[in-house]
Amino acid sequence: MTTSSSLEDRITALGWLAHGGELAVDLKGDRAKHSDVIWQLLEEAVAVIDMTPDNERRWLTSGHRSGGWNMIGMTRADLQEIERIRLLSAMKPYDGTTKTSPQRNDVDRALGVLGWMRWCNAARLADRLTKAAIALARGGDKEGVHRLYCPTRKPNRQNITEIRTRTVGFILTGLKNEMQIVPAEGLTFREVHNGA
């Protein structure tokens, strides 16, 4: 098995997962699981992107590009990635009423974690799963999330659980296949090499 990611990328991802473990423990204590680590990272990533500053209004709004990133070293590619993620997360105009600005490492982690959503492309109806998962991570109402995921089915609790479970499963599979990172004892994650 060959590694398809750099050592630096794997170390960074392990750091993010350790941070997610702290978030999961803060939320669920001893009942936290590896799936909670991934989901808490996803929820935090969406929240950070919602707080991203804008030059004119001080907060990003859907459909409007931010010009304030030049002050903190954002490249045009970073700006386009944020715009893509905002559209993916179905932000409504003038969302993000928070009064604090995220730190650069928070934004980097958020972009990285949201980048893991690419592994959901392996799903049947990947667009629906991705949009529903981001909406659920944003705290969207369950009926609206359900309509994004399976508009022809009758709403029920099981569908919401399915969105979360499938999303976390695809991310865990992507971490294993592309970065050779797997769940370890407790809430930790570790690298594996040569199929170990």
N, C-alpha and C. Protein backbone atom coordinates (compact mmCIF):
# COMPACT_ATOMS: atom_id res chain seq x y z
N MET A 1 0.85 -1.18 0.00
CA MET A 1 0.00 0.00 0.00
C MET A 1 0.89 1.24 0.00
N THR A 2 0.68 2.10 -0.95
CA THR A 2 1.47 3.32 -1.02
C THR A 2 0.67 4.47 -0.44
N THR A 3 1.39 5.38 0.20
CA THR A 3 0.69 6.52 0.77
C THR A 3 0.46 7.55 -0.32
N SER A 4 -0.73 8.10 -0.36
CA SER A 4 -1.07 9.08 -1.39
C SER A 4 -1.10 10.50 -0.83
N SER A 5 -0.63 10.68 0.39
CA SER A 5 -0.59 12.02 0.98
C SER A 5 0.78 12.22 1.61
N SER A 6 1.16 13.47 1.74
CA SER A 6 2.48 13.76 2.30
C SER A 6 2.46 13.58 3.81
N LEU A 7 3.65 13.41 4.35
CA LEU A 7 3.79 13.27 5.80
C LEU A 7 3.23 14.49 6.51
N GLU A 8 3.49 15.67 5.97
CA GLU A 8 2.97 16.91 6.57
C GLU A 8 1.44 16.92 6.60
N ASP A 9 0.80 16.47 5.51
CA ASP A 9 -0.67 16.41 5.47
C ASP A 9 -1.21 15.45 6.51
N ARG A 10 -0.56 14.32 6.68
CA ARG A 10 -1.02 13.33 7.67
C ARG A 10 -0.84 13.85 9.09
N ILE A 11 0.28 14.50 9.36
CA ILE A 11 0.51 15.06 10.69
C ILE A 11 -0.52 16.15 10.98
N THR A 12 -0.79 16.98 10.00
CA THR A 12 -1.80 18.03 10.16
C THR A 12 -3.17 17.42 10.44
N ALA A 13 -3.55 16.41 9.66
CA ALA A 13 -4.85 15.75 9.86
C ALA A 13 -4.94 15.11 11.23
N LEU A 14 -3.86 14.49 11.70
CA LEU A 14 -3.87 13.89 13.04
C LEU A 14 -4.06 14.97 14.11
N GLY A 15 -3.47 16.14 13.90
CA GLY A 15 -3.66 17.25 14.83
C GLY A 15 -5.11 17.72 14.86
N TRP A 16 -5.72 17.80 13.67
CA TRP A 16 -7.13 18.17 13.60
C TRP A 16 -8.00 17.14 14.30
N LEU A 17 -7.69 15.87 14.11
CA LEU A 17 -8.47 14.80 14.74
C LEU A 17 -8.32 14.84 16.26
N ALA A 18 -7.12 15.18 16.75
CA ALA A 18 -6.92 15.32 18.20
C ALA A 18 -7.79 16.46 18.73
N HIS A 19 -7.85 17.57 17.98
CA HIS A 19 -8.72 18.69 18.36
C HIS A 19 -10.19 18.24 18.35
N GLY A 20 -10.58 17.46 17.35
CA GLY A 20 -11.94 16.93 17.29
C GLY A 20 -12.25 16.04 18.46
N GLY A 21 -11.24 15.28 18.94
CA GLY A 21 -11.43 14.45 20.13
C GLY A 21 -11.75 15.28 21.35
N GLU A 22 -11.06 16.43 21.47
CA GLU A 22 -11.35 17.34 22.58
C GLU A 22 -12.77 17.88 22.49
N LEU A 23 -13.19 18.24 21.29
CA LEU A 23 -14.56 18.74 21.10
C LEU A 23 -15.59 17.67 21.46
N ALA A 24 -15.32 16.43 21.03
CA ALA A 24 -16.26 15.33 21.30
C ALA A 24 -16.36 15.04 22.79
N VAL A 25 -15.23 15.06 23.48
CA VAL A 25 -15.24 14.82 24.93
C VAL A 25 -15.97 15.95 25.64
N ASP A 26 -15.75 17.19 25.21
CA ASP A 26 -16.47 18.32 25.80
C ASP A 26 -17.97 18.17 25.65
N LEU A 27 -18.41 17.60 24.52
CA LEU A 27 -19.84 17.46 24.26
C LEU A 27 -20.45 16.23 24.93
N LYS A 28 -19.77 15.07 24.80
CA LYS A 28 -20.38 13.81 25.24
C LYS A 28 -19.65 13.11 26.38
N GLY A 29 -18.52 13.62 26.79
CA GLY A 29 -17.77 13.00 27.88
C GLY A 29 -17.29 11.60 27.51
N ASP A 30 -17.49 10.66 28.43
CA ASP A 30 -17.02 9.28 28.23
C ASP A 30 -17.79 8.54 27.15
N ARG A 31 -18.93 9.04 26.77
CA ARG A 31 -19.75 8.36 25.75
C ARG A 31 -19.33 8.72 24.32
N ALA A 32 -18.36 9.60 24.16
CA ALA A 32 -17.92 10.04 22.83
C ALA A 32 -17.28 8.88 22.06
N LYS A 33 -17.51 8.88 20.74
CA LYS A 33 -16.98 7.85 19.85
C LYS A 33 -16.18 8.52 18.74
N HIS A 34 -15.50 7.71 17.94
CA HIS A 34 -14.73 8.24 16.82
C HIS A 34 -15.64 8.99 15.85
N SER A 35 -16.85 8.52 15.66
CA SER A 35 -17.78 9.20 14.76
C SER A 35 -18.11 10.60 15.28
N ASP A 36 -18.16 10.75 16.61
CA ASP A 36 -18.42 12.07 17.20
C ASP A 36 -17.26 13.02 16.93
N VAL A 37 -16.05 12.50 16.89
CA VAL A 37 -14.86 13.32 16.60
C VAL A 37 -15.01 13.94 15.22
N ILE A 38 -15.32 13.09 14.23
CA ILE A 38 -15.46 13.57 12.85
C ILE A 38 -16.60 14.57 12.76
N TRP A 39 -17.74 14.25 13.35
CA TRP A 39 -18.91 15.12 13.24
C TRP A 39 -18.67 16.47 13.93
N GLN A 40 -18.00 16.47 15.10
CA GLN A 40 -17.72 17.73 15.78
C GLN A 40 -16.77 18.60 14.97
N LEU A 41 -15.80 17.98 14.30
CA LEU A 41 -14.92 18.74 13.42
C LEU A 41 -15.70 19.36 12.26
N LEU A 42 -16.63 18.60 11.71
CA LEU A 42 -17.44 19.11 10.61
C LEU A 42 -18.32 20.26 11.06
N GLU A 43 -18.97 20.12 12.22
CA GLU A 43 -19.80 21.21 12.74
C GLU A 43 -18.97 22.46 13.01
N GLU A 44 -17.79 22.28 13.59
CA GLU A 44 -16.93 23.43 13.87
C GLU A 44 -16.47 24.09 12.57
N ALA A 45 -16.14 23.28 11.56
CA ALA A 45 -15.68 23.81 10.28
C ALA A 45 -16.75 24.69 9.63
N VAL A 46 -17.98 24.21 9.64
CA VAL A 46 -19.07 24.99 9.06
C VAL A 46 -19.28 26.28 9.85
N ALA A 47 -19.18 26.21 11.18
CA ALA A 47 -19.35 27.40 12.01
C ALA A 47 -18.24 28.42 11.74
N VAL A 48 -17.02 27.96 11.55
CA VAL A 48 -15.90 28.86 11.28
C VAL A 48 -16.10 29.56 9.94
N ILE A 49 -16.52 28.81 8.93
CA ILE A 49 -16.75 29.42 7.62
C ILE A 49 -17.88 30.44 7.71
N ASP A 50 -18.88 30.17 8.54
CA ASP A 50 -19.97 31.13 8.74
C ASP A 50 -19.47 32.44 9.36
N MET A 51 -18.37 32.39 10.11
CA MET A 51 -17.85 33.58 10.79
C MET A 51 -16.78 34.30 9.98
N THR A 52 -16.50 33.86 8.78
CA THR A 52 -15.40 34.41 8.01
C THR A 52 -15.65 35.88 7.70
N PRO A 53 -14.66 36.75 7.98
CA PRO A 53 -14.88 38.19 7.84
C PRO A 53 -14.98 38.66 6.39
N ASP A 54 -15.68 39.75 6.21
CA ASP A 54 -15.83 40.38 4.91
C ASP A 54 -15.46 41.86 5.07
N ASN A 55 -14.92 42.45 4.04
CA ASN A 55 -14.49 43.85 4.10
C ASN A 55 -15.65 44.81 4.31
N GLU A 56 -16.70 44.68 3.51
CA GLU A 56 -17.77 45.66 3.55
C GLU A 56 -18.70 45.46 4.73
N ARG A 57 -19.19 44.25 4.93
CA ARG A 57 -20.20 44.02 5.96
C ARG A 57 -19.62 43.39 7.22
N ARG A 58 -18.35 43.09 7.19
CA ARG A 58 -17.62 42.45 8.28
C ARG A 58 -17.91 40.97 8.37
N TRP A 59 -18.91 40.44 7.65
CA TRP A 59 -19.20 39.01 7.68
C TRP A 59 -19.59 38.57 6.28
N LEU A 60 -19.20 37.38 5.92
CA LEU A 60 -19.53 36.88 4.59
C LEU A 60 -21.02 36.71 4.41
N THR A 61 -21.48 36.99 3.23
CA THR A 61 -22.86 36.71 2.88
C THR A 61 -22.86 35.93 1.58
N SER A 62 -23.80 35.05 1.44
CA SER A 62 -23.84 34.20 0.26
C SER A 62 -23.95 35.03 -1.01
N GLY A 63 -23.15 34.65 -2.01
CA GLY A 63 -23.20 35.32 -3.29
C GLY A 63 -22.35 36.57 -3.39
N HIS A 64 -21.69 36.98 -2.31
CA HIS A 64 -20.83 38.15 -2.34
C HIS A 64 -19.40 37.73 -2.02
N ARG A 65 -18.47 38.15 -2.84
CA ARG A 65 -17.07 37.78 -2.60
C ARG A 65 -16.47 38.66 -1.52
N SER A 66 -15.57 38.09 -0.77
CA SER A 66 -14.91 38.82 0.29
C SER A 66 -13.63 39.44 -0.23
N GLY A 67 -13.37 40.68 0.13
CA GLY A 67 -12.13 41.33 -0.25
C GLY A 67 -11.19 41.49 0.93
N GLY A 68 -11.61 41.13 2.11
CA GLY A 68 -10.83 41.37 3.31
C GLY A 68 -9.71 40.40 3.56
N TRP A 69 -9.61 39.37 2.75
CA TRP A 69 -8.61 38.34 3.03
C TRP A 69 -7.20 38.78 2.68
N ASN A 70 -7.04 39.77 1.81
CA ASN A 70 -5.70 40.20 1.43
C ASN A 70 -4.92 40.69 2.64
N MET A 71 -5.63 41.18 3.64
CA MET A 71 -4.96 41.70 4.83
C MET A 71 -4.29 40.59 5.63
N ILE A 72 -4.77 39.37 5.55
CA ILE A 72 -4.20 38.30 6.36
C ILE A 72 -3.55 37.23 5.50
N GLY A 73 -3.25 37.53 4.25
CA GLY A 73 -2.46 36.63 3.43
C GLY A 73 -3.23 35.58 2.66
N MET A 74 -4.52 35.76 2.44
CA MET A 74 -5.28 34.79 1.66
C MET A 74 -4.93 34.95 0.18
N THR A 75 -4.81 33.83 -0.49
CA THR A 75 -4.56 33.86 -1.93
C THR A 75 -5.88 33.82 -2.67
N ARG A 76 -5.83 34.07 -3.95
CA ARG A 76 -7.04 33.99 -4.76
C ARG A 76 -7.63 32.58 -4.73
N ALA A 77 -6.78 31.57 -4.72
CA ALA A 77 -7.25 30.18 -4.66
C ALA A 77 -7.98 29.92 -3.34
N ASP A 78 -7.45 30.46 -2.23
CA ASP A 78 -8.13 30.31 -0.94
C ASP A 78 -9.50 30.97 -0.96
N LEU A 79 -9.55 32.16 -1.55
CA LEU A 79 -10.81 32.89 -1.65
C LEU A 79 -11.83 32.10 -2.47
N GLN A 80 -11.40 31.52 -3.58
CA GLN A 80 -12.30 30.73 -4.41
C GLN A 80 -12.77 29.48 -3.68
N GLU A 81 -11.89 28.88 -2.88
CA GLU A 81 -12.27 27.70 -2.11
C GLU A 81 -13.32 28.05 -1.06
N ILE A 82 -13.15 29.18 -0.40
CA ILE A 82 -14.14 29.61 0.59
C ILE A 82 -15.48 29.87 -0.11
N GLU A 83 -15.43 30.51 -1.26
CA GLU A 83 -16.66 30.78 -2.01
C GLU A 83 -17.36 29.47 -2.38
N ARG A 84 -16.58 28.48 -2.81
CA ARG A 84 -17.15 27.18 -3.19
C ARG A 84 -17.79 26.51 -1.98
N ILE A 85 -17.12 26.56 -0.84
CA ILE A 85 -17.65 25.92 0.36
C ILE A 85 -18.90 26.64 0.84
N ARG A 86 -18.93 27.97 0.74
CA ARG A 86 -20.14 28.70 1.14
C ARG A 86 -21.32 28.29 0.27
N LEU A 87 -21.08 28.15 -1.03
CA LEU A 87 -22.16 27.73 -1.92
C LEU A 87 -22.58 26.30 -1.62
N LEU A 88 -21.58 25.44 -1.34
CA LEU A 88 -21.88 24.05 -0.99
C LEU A 88 -22.71 23.96 0.28
N SER A 89 -22.41 24.83 1.24
CA SER A 89 -23.12 24.76 2.51
C SER A 89 -24.47 25.46 2.47
N ALA A 90 -24.84 25.97 1.30
CA ALA A 90 -26.15 26.59 1.10
C ALA A 90 -26.41 27.73 2.07
N MET A 91 -25.40 28.59 2.28
CA MET A 91 -25.58 29.73 3.16
C MET A 91 -26.65 30.66 2.61
N LYS A 92 -27.46 31.15 3.47
CA LYS A 92 -28.47 32.13 3.09
C LYS A 92 -27.85 33.52 3.18
N PRO A 93 -28.38 34.49 2.45
CA PRO A 93 -27.84 35.85 2.55
C PRO A 93 -27.84 36.35 3.99
N TYR A 94 -26.74 36.98 4.36
CA TYR A 94 -26.55 37.59 5.67
C TYR A 94 -26.52 36.60 6.83
N ASP A 95 -26.20 35.32 6.52
CA ASP A 95 -25.96 34.35 7.59
C ASP A 95 -24.67 34.72 8.30
N GLY A 96 -24.51 34.23 9.50
CA GLY A 96 -23.28 34.43 10.24
C GLY A 96 -23.29 35.73 11.01
N THR A 97 -24.10 35.82 12.03
CA THR A 97 -24.23 37.07 12.77
C THR A 97 -23.28 37.15 13.96
N THR A 98 -22.32 36.28 14.03
CA THR A 98 -21.39 36.28 15.15
C THR A 98 -20.51 37.53 15.13
N LYS A 99 -19.97 37.90 16.26
CA LYS A 99 -19.17 39.12 16.36
C LYS A 99 -17.68 38.83 16.54
N THR A 100 -17.25 37.60 16.39
CA THR A 100 -15.83 37.29 16.50
C THR A 100 -15.33 36.77 15.17
N SER A 101 -14.08 37.05 14.89
CA SER A 101 -13.47 36.62 13.65
C SER A 101 -12.62 35.37 13.92
N PRO A 102 -12.68 34.37 13.05
CA PRO A 102 -11.88 33.17 13.27
C PRO A 102 -10.39 33.46 13.07
N GLN A 103 -9.57 32.69 13.74
CA GLN A 103 -8.13 32.80 13.57
C GLN A 103 -7.70 32.03 12.32
N ARG A 104 -6.54 32.34 11.79
CA ARG A 104 -6.07 31.73 10.54
C ARG A 104 -5.99 30.20 10.65
N ASN A 105 -5.48 29.67 11.78
CA ASN A 105 -5.39 28.22 11.90
C ASN A 105 -6.78 27.58 11.99
N ASP A 106 -7.76 28.32 12.53
CA ASP A 106 -9.14 27.82 12.54
C ASP A 106 -9.67 27.72 11.12
N VAL A 107 -9.38 28.72 10.30
CA VAL A 107 -9.84 28.72 8.90
C VAL A 107 -9.15 27.60 8.14
N ASP A 108 -7.85 27.42 8.36
CA ASP A 108 -7.13 26.34 7.68
C ASP A 108 -7.72 24.99 8.04
N ARG A 109 -7.99 24.78 9.33
CA ARG A 109 -8.58 23.51 9.77
C ARG A 109 -9.98 23.35 9.16
N ALA A 110 -10.76 24.42 9.16
CA ALA A 110 -12.12 24.35 8.60
C ALA A 110 -12.08 23.99 7.13
N LEU A 111 -11.21 24.64 6.37
CA LEU A 111 -11.11 24.32 4.94
C LEU A 111 -10.64 22.89 4.73
N GLY A 112 -9.70 22.45 5.55
CA GLY A 112 -9.20 21.07 5.43
C GLY A 112 -10.28 20.04 5.74
N VAL A 113 -11.00 20.27 6.83
CA VAL A 113 -12.07 19.33 7.22
C VAL A 113 -13.18 19.33 6.18
N LEU A 114 -13.58 20.51 5.71
CA LEU A 114 -14.61 20.55 4.67
C LEU A 114 -14.11 19.92 3.37
N GLY A 115 -12.81 19.95 3.15
CA GLY A 115 -12.23 19.25 2.00
C GLY A 115 -12.41 17.74 2.09
N TRP A 116 -12.54 17.23 3.30
CA TRP A 116 -12.79 15.79 3.47
C TRP A 116 -14.14 15.38 2.91
N MET A 117 -15.03 16.34 2.72
CA MET A 117 -16.34 16.02 2.16
C MET A 117 -16.24 15.47 0.74
N ARG A 118 -15.09 15.66 0.08
CA ARG A 118 -14.92 15.11 -1.27
C ARG A 118 -15.05 13.59 -1.26
N TRP A 119 -14.74 12.97 -0.14
CA TRP A 119 -14.85 11.51 -0.06
C TRP A 119 -16.30 11.05 -0.10
N CYS A 120 -17.23 11.94 0.14
CA CYS A 120 -18.65 11.58 0.02
C CYS A 120 -19.08 11.45 -1.44
N ASN A 121 -18.21 11.85 -2.37
CA ASN A 121 -18.53 11.71 -3.80
C ASN A 121 -18.68 10.25 -4.20
N ALA A 122 -18.19 9.33 -3.38
CA ALA A 122 -18.35 7.90 -3.66
C ALA A 122 -19.79 7.43 -3.39
N ALA A 123 -20.57 8.26 -2.74
CA ALA A 123 -21.94 7.89 -2.38
C ALA A 123 -22.86 7.95 -3.59
N ARG A 124 -23.90 7.15 -3.54
CA ARG A 124 -24.97 7.27 -4.52
C ARG A 124 -25.69 8.58 -4.18
N LEU A 125 -25.98 9.39 -5.17
CA LEU A 125 -26.58 10.72 -4.97
C LEU A 125 -25.72 11.56 -4.03
N ALA A 126 -24.43 11.66 -4.37
CA ALA A 126 -23.45 12.35 -3.52
C ALA A 126 -23.82 13.80 -3.24
N ASP A 127 -24.36 14.52 -4.23
CA ASP A 127 -24.72 15.92 -4.02
C ASP A 127 -25.77 16.07 -2.92
N ARG A 128 -26.76 15.19 -2.94
CA ARG A 128 -27.80 15.27 -1.91
C ARG A 128 -27.22 15.00 -0.53
N LEU A 129 -26.37 13.97 -0.44
CA LEU A 129 -25.77 13.63 0.86
C LEU A 129 -24.92 14.79 1.36
N THR A 130 -24.10 15.35 0.50
CA THR A 130 -23.20 16.43 0.90
C THR A 130 -23.97 17.66 1.35
N LYS A 131 -24.96 18.08 0.57
CA LYS A 131 -25.75 19.25 0.95
C LYS A 131 -26.50 19.02 2.26
N ALA A 132 -27.07 17.84 2.42
CA ALA A 132 -27.82 17.54 3.64
C ALA A 132 -26.89 17.49 4.85
N ALA A 133 -25.70 16.90 4.68
CA ALA A 133 -24.75 16.80 5.80
C ALA A 133 -24.28 18.19 6.23
N ILE A 134 -23.98 19.06 5.28
CA ILE A 134 -23.54 20.42 5.62
C ILE A 134 -24.68 21.18 6.30
N ALA A 135 -25.89 21.03 5.78
CA ALA A 135 -27.04 21.71 6.40
C ALA A 135 -27.27 21.19 7.81
N LEU A 136 -27.12 19.88 8.02
CA LEU A 136 -27.28 19.30 9.35
C LEU A 136 -26.18 19.79 10.28
N ALA A 137 -24.96 19.86 9.80
CA ALA A 137 -23.84 20.36 10.60
C ALA A 137 -24.03 21.82 10.98
N ARG A 138 -24.72 22.58 10.13
CA ARG A 138 -25.01 23.98 10.42
C ARG A 138 -26.14 24.14 11.42
N GLY A 139 -26.77 23.05 11.79
CA GLY A 139 -27.88 23.12 12.73
C GLY A 139 -29.20 23.37 12.05
N GLY A 140 -29.28 23.00 10.77
CA GLY A 140 -30.51 23.19 10.01
C GLY A 140 -31.67 22.40 10.59
N ASP A 141 -32.88 22.89 10.35
CA ASP A 141 -34.04 22.17 10.87
C ASP A 141 -34.13 20.81 10.17
N LYS A 142 -34.57 19.82 10.92
CA LYS A 142 -34.56 18.44 10.44
C LYS A 142 -35.43 18.24 9.20
N GLU A 143 -36.53 18.95 9.11
CA GLU A 143 -37.40 18.82 7.94
C GLU A 143 -36.72 19.34 6.68
N GLY A 144 -36.04 20.48 6.80
CA GLY A 144 -35.31 21.04 5.67
C GLY A 144 -34.16 20.15 5.24
N VAL A 145 -33.44 19.60 6.21
CA VAL A 145 -32.34 18.68 5.91
C VAL A 145 -32.88 17.45 5.21
N HIS A 146 -34.00 16.94 5.70
CA HIS A 146 -34.61 15.76 5.09
C HIS A 146 -34.99 16.02 3.64
N ARG A 147 -35.55 17.20 3.36
CA ARG A 147 -35.93 17.54 1.98
C ARG A 147 -34.72 17.59 1.05
N LEU A 148 -33.59 18.03 1.57
CA LEU A 148 -32.37 18.04 0.76
C LEU A 148 -31.90 16.63 0.45
N TYR A 149 -32.03 15.74 1.43
CA TYR A 149 -31.47 14.39 1.30
C TYR A 149 -32.37 13.45 0.52
N CYS A 150 -33.62 13.39 0.89
CA CYS A 150 -34.54 12.47 0.21
C CYS A 150 -35.92 13.12 0.11
N PRO A 151 -36.09 13.97 -0.89
CA PRO A 151 -37.33 14.74 -1.01
C PRO A 151 -38.58 13.90 -1.23
N THR A 152 -38.43 12.67 -1.69
CA THR A 152 -39.61 11.85 -1.97
C THR A 152 -40.01 10.96 -0.80
N ARG A 153 -39.17 10.87 0.23
CA ARG A 153 -39.49 10.04 1.38
C ARG A 153 -40.19 10.85 2.47
N LYS A 154 -40.97 10.16 3.25
CA LYS A 154 -41.62 10.79 4.39
C LYS A 154 -40.56 11.06 5.47
N PRO A 155 -40.54 12.27 6.05
CA PRO A 155 -39.53 12.59 7.06
C PRO A 155 -39.61 11.68 8.28
N ASN A 156 -38.44 11.23 8.73
CA ASN A 156 -38.35 10.49 9.99
C ASN A 156 -36.95 10.64 10.56
N ARG A 157 -36.81 10.29 11.83
CA ARG A 157 -35.55 10.44 12.54
C ARG A 157 -34.43 9.59 11.93
N GLN A 158 -34.81 8.45 11.40
CA GLN A 158 -33.82 7.53 10.85
C GLN A 158 -33.04 8.17 9.69
N ASN A 159 -33.71 8.98 8.87
CA ASN A 159 -33.04 9.62 7.75
C ASN A 159 -31.95 10.58 8.22
N ILE A 160 -32.20 11.31 9.30
CA ILE A 160 -31.20 12.23 9.84
C ILE A 160 -30.00 11.45 10.35
N THR A 161 -30.26 10.35 11.05
CA THR A 161 -29.17 9.50 11.53
C THR A 161 -28.39 8.93 10.36
N GLU A 162 -29.09 8.55 9.31
CA GLU A 162 -28.44 7.99 8.12
C GLU A 162 -27.50 9.01 7.46
N ILE A 163 -27.90 10.26 7.39
CA ILE A 163 -27.05 11.31 6.80
C ILE A 163 -25.74 11.40 7.58
N ARG A 164 -25.86 11.50 8.87
CA ARG A 164 -24.66 11.63 9.71
C ARG A 164 -23.79 10.38 9.62
N THR A 165 -24.38 9.21 9.73
CA THR A 165 -23.63 7.96 9.70
C THR A 165 -22.92 7.76 8.38
N ARG A 166 -23.61 8.00 7.28
CA ARG A 166 -22.99 7.82 5.96
C ARG A 166 -21.86 8.83 5.74
N THR A 167 -22.08 10.07 6.13
CA THR A 167 -21.05 11.10 5.96
C THR A 167 -19.79 10.74 6.74
N VAL A 168 -19.96 10.41 8.01
CA VAL A 168 -18.81 10.03 8.84
C VAL A 168 -18.13 8.79 8.27
N GLY A 169 -18.92 7.83 7.80
CA GLY A 169 -18.35 6.61 7.22
C GLY A 169 -17.49 6.89 6.00
N PHE A 170 -17.96 7.75 5.11
CA PHE A 170 -17.17 8.09 3.92
C PHE A 170 -15.89 8.84 4.31
N ILE A 171 -15.97 9.70 5.31
CA ILE A 171 -14.78 10.43 5.75
C ILE A 171 -13.78 9.47 6.39
N LEU A 172 -14.25 8.58 7.24
CA LEU A 172 -13.34 7.60 7.85
C LEU A 172 -12.68 6.72 6.79
N THR A 173 -13.45 6.32 5.77
CA THR A 173 -12.90 5.52 4.68
C THR A 173 -11.86 6.31 3.90
N GLY A 174 -12.14 7.58 3.63
CA GLY A 174 -11.18 8.43 2.93
C GLY A 174 -9.90 8.63 3.72
N LEU A 175 -10.05 8.84 5.03
CA LEU A 175 -8.86 8.98 5.87
C LEU A 175 -8.00 7.72 5.82
N LYS A 176 -8.66 6.58 5.82
CA LYS A 176 -7.93 5.31 5.78
C LYS A 176 -7.27 5.09 4.42
N ASN A 177 -8.03 5.28 3.34
CA ASN A 177 -7.52 4.96 2.01
C ASN A 177 -6.51 5.97 1.48
N GLU A 178 -6.73 7.26 1.73
CA GLU A 178 -5.84 8.28 1.17
C GLU A 178 -4.74 8.72 2.12
N MET A 179 -5.01 8.68 3.43
CA MET A 179 -4.02 9.20 4.37
C MET A 179 -3.49 8.13 5.31
N GLN A 180 -4.01 6.91 5.22
CA GLN A 180 -3.60 5.81 6.08
C GLN A 180 -3.77 6.17 7.56
N ILE A 181 -4.86 6.85 7.88
CA ILE A 181 -5.18 7.22 9.25
C ILE A 181 -6.43 6.44 9.65
N VAL A 182 -6.33 5.74 10.77
CA VAL A 182 -7.44 4.91 11.25
C VAL A 182 -7.72 5.21 12.72
N PRO A 183 -8.94 4.90 13.18
CA PRO A 183 -9.24 5.07 14.60
C PRO A 183 -8.35 4.17 15.45
N ALA A 184 -7.95 4.66 16.59
CA ALA A 184 -7.13 3.90 17.53
C ALA A 184 -7.88 3.81 18.86
N GLU A 185 -7.19 3.35 19.87
CA GLU A 185 -7.80 3.19 21.18
C GLU A 185 -8.26 4.53 21.74
N GLY A 186 -9.35 4.50 22.46
CA GLY A 186 -9.92 5.74 22.99
C GLY A 186 -10.51 6.55 21.85
N LEU A 187 -10.26 7.84 21.86
CA LEU A 187 -10.75 8.70 20.78
C LEU A 187 -9.62 9.15 19.87
N THR A 188 -8.51 8.46 19.90
CA THR A 188 -7.36 8.86 19.11
C THR A 188 -7.39 8.21 17.73
N PHE A 189 -6.55 8.72 16.86
CA PHE A 189 -6.37 8.17 15.52
C PHE A 189 -4.88 7.94 15.34
N ARG A 190 -4.52 7.01 14.46
CA ARG A 190 -3.11 6.72 14.23
C ARG A 190 -2.87 6.42 12.76
N GLU A 191 -1.61 6.52 12.38
CA GLU A 191 -1.21 6.16 11.02
C GLU A 191 -0.94 4.66 10.96
N VAL A 192 -1.25 4.06 9.83
CA VAL A 192 -0.89 2.66 9.58
C VAL A 192 -0.06 2.61 8.31
N HIS A 193 0.88 1.70 8.27
CA HIS A 193 1.73 1.56 7.10
C HIS A 193 1.78 0.10 6.68
N ASN A 194 1.84 -0.12 5.38
CA ASN A 194 1.96 -1.47 4.81
C ASN A 194 0.86 -2.40 5.30
N GLY A 195 -0.36 -1.90 5.38
CA GLY A 195 -1.50 -2.73 5.76
C GLY A 195 -1.51 -3.13 7.21
N ALA A 196 -0.67 -2.53 8.06
CA ALA A 196 -0.60 -2.91 9.47
C ALA A 196 -1.81 -2.43 10.24
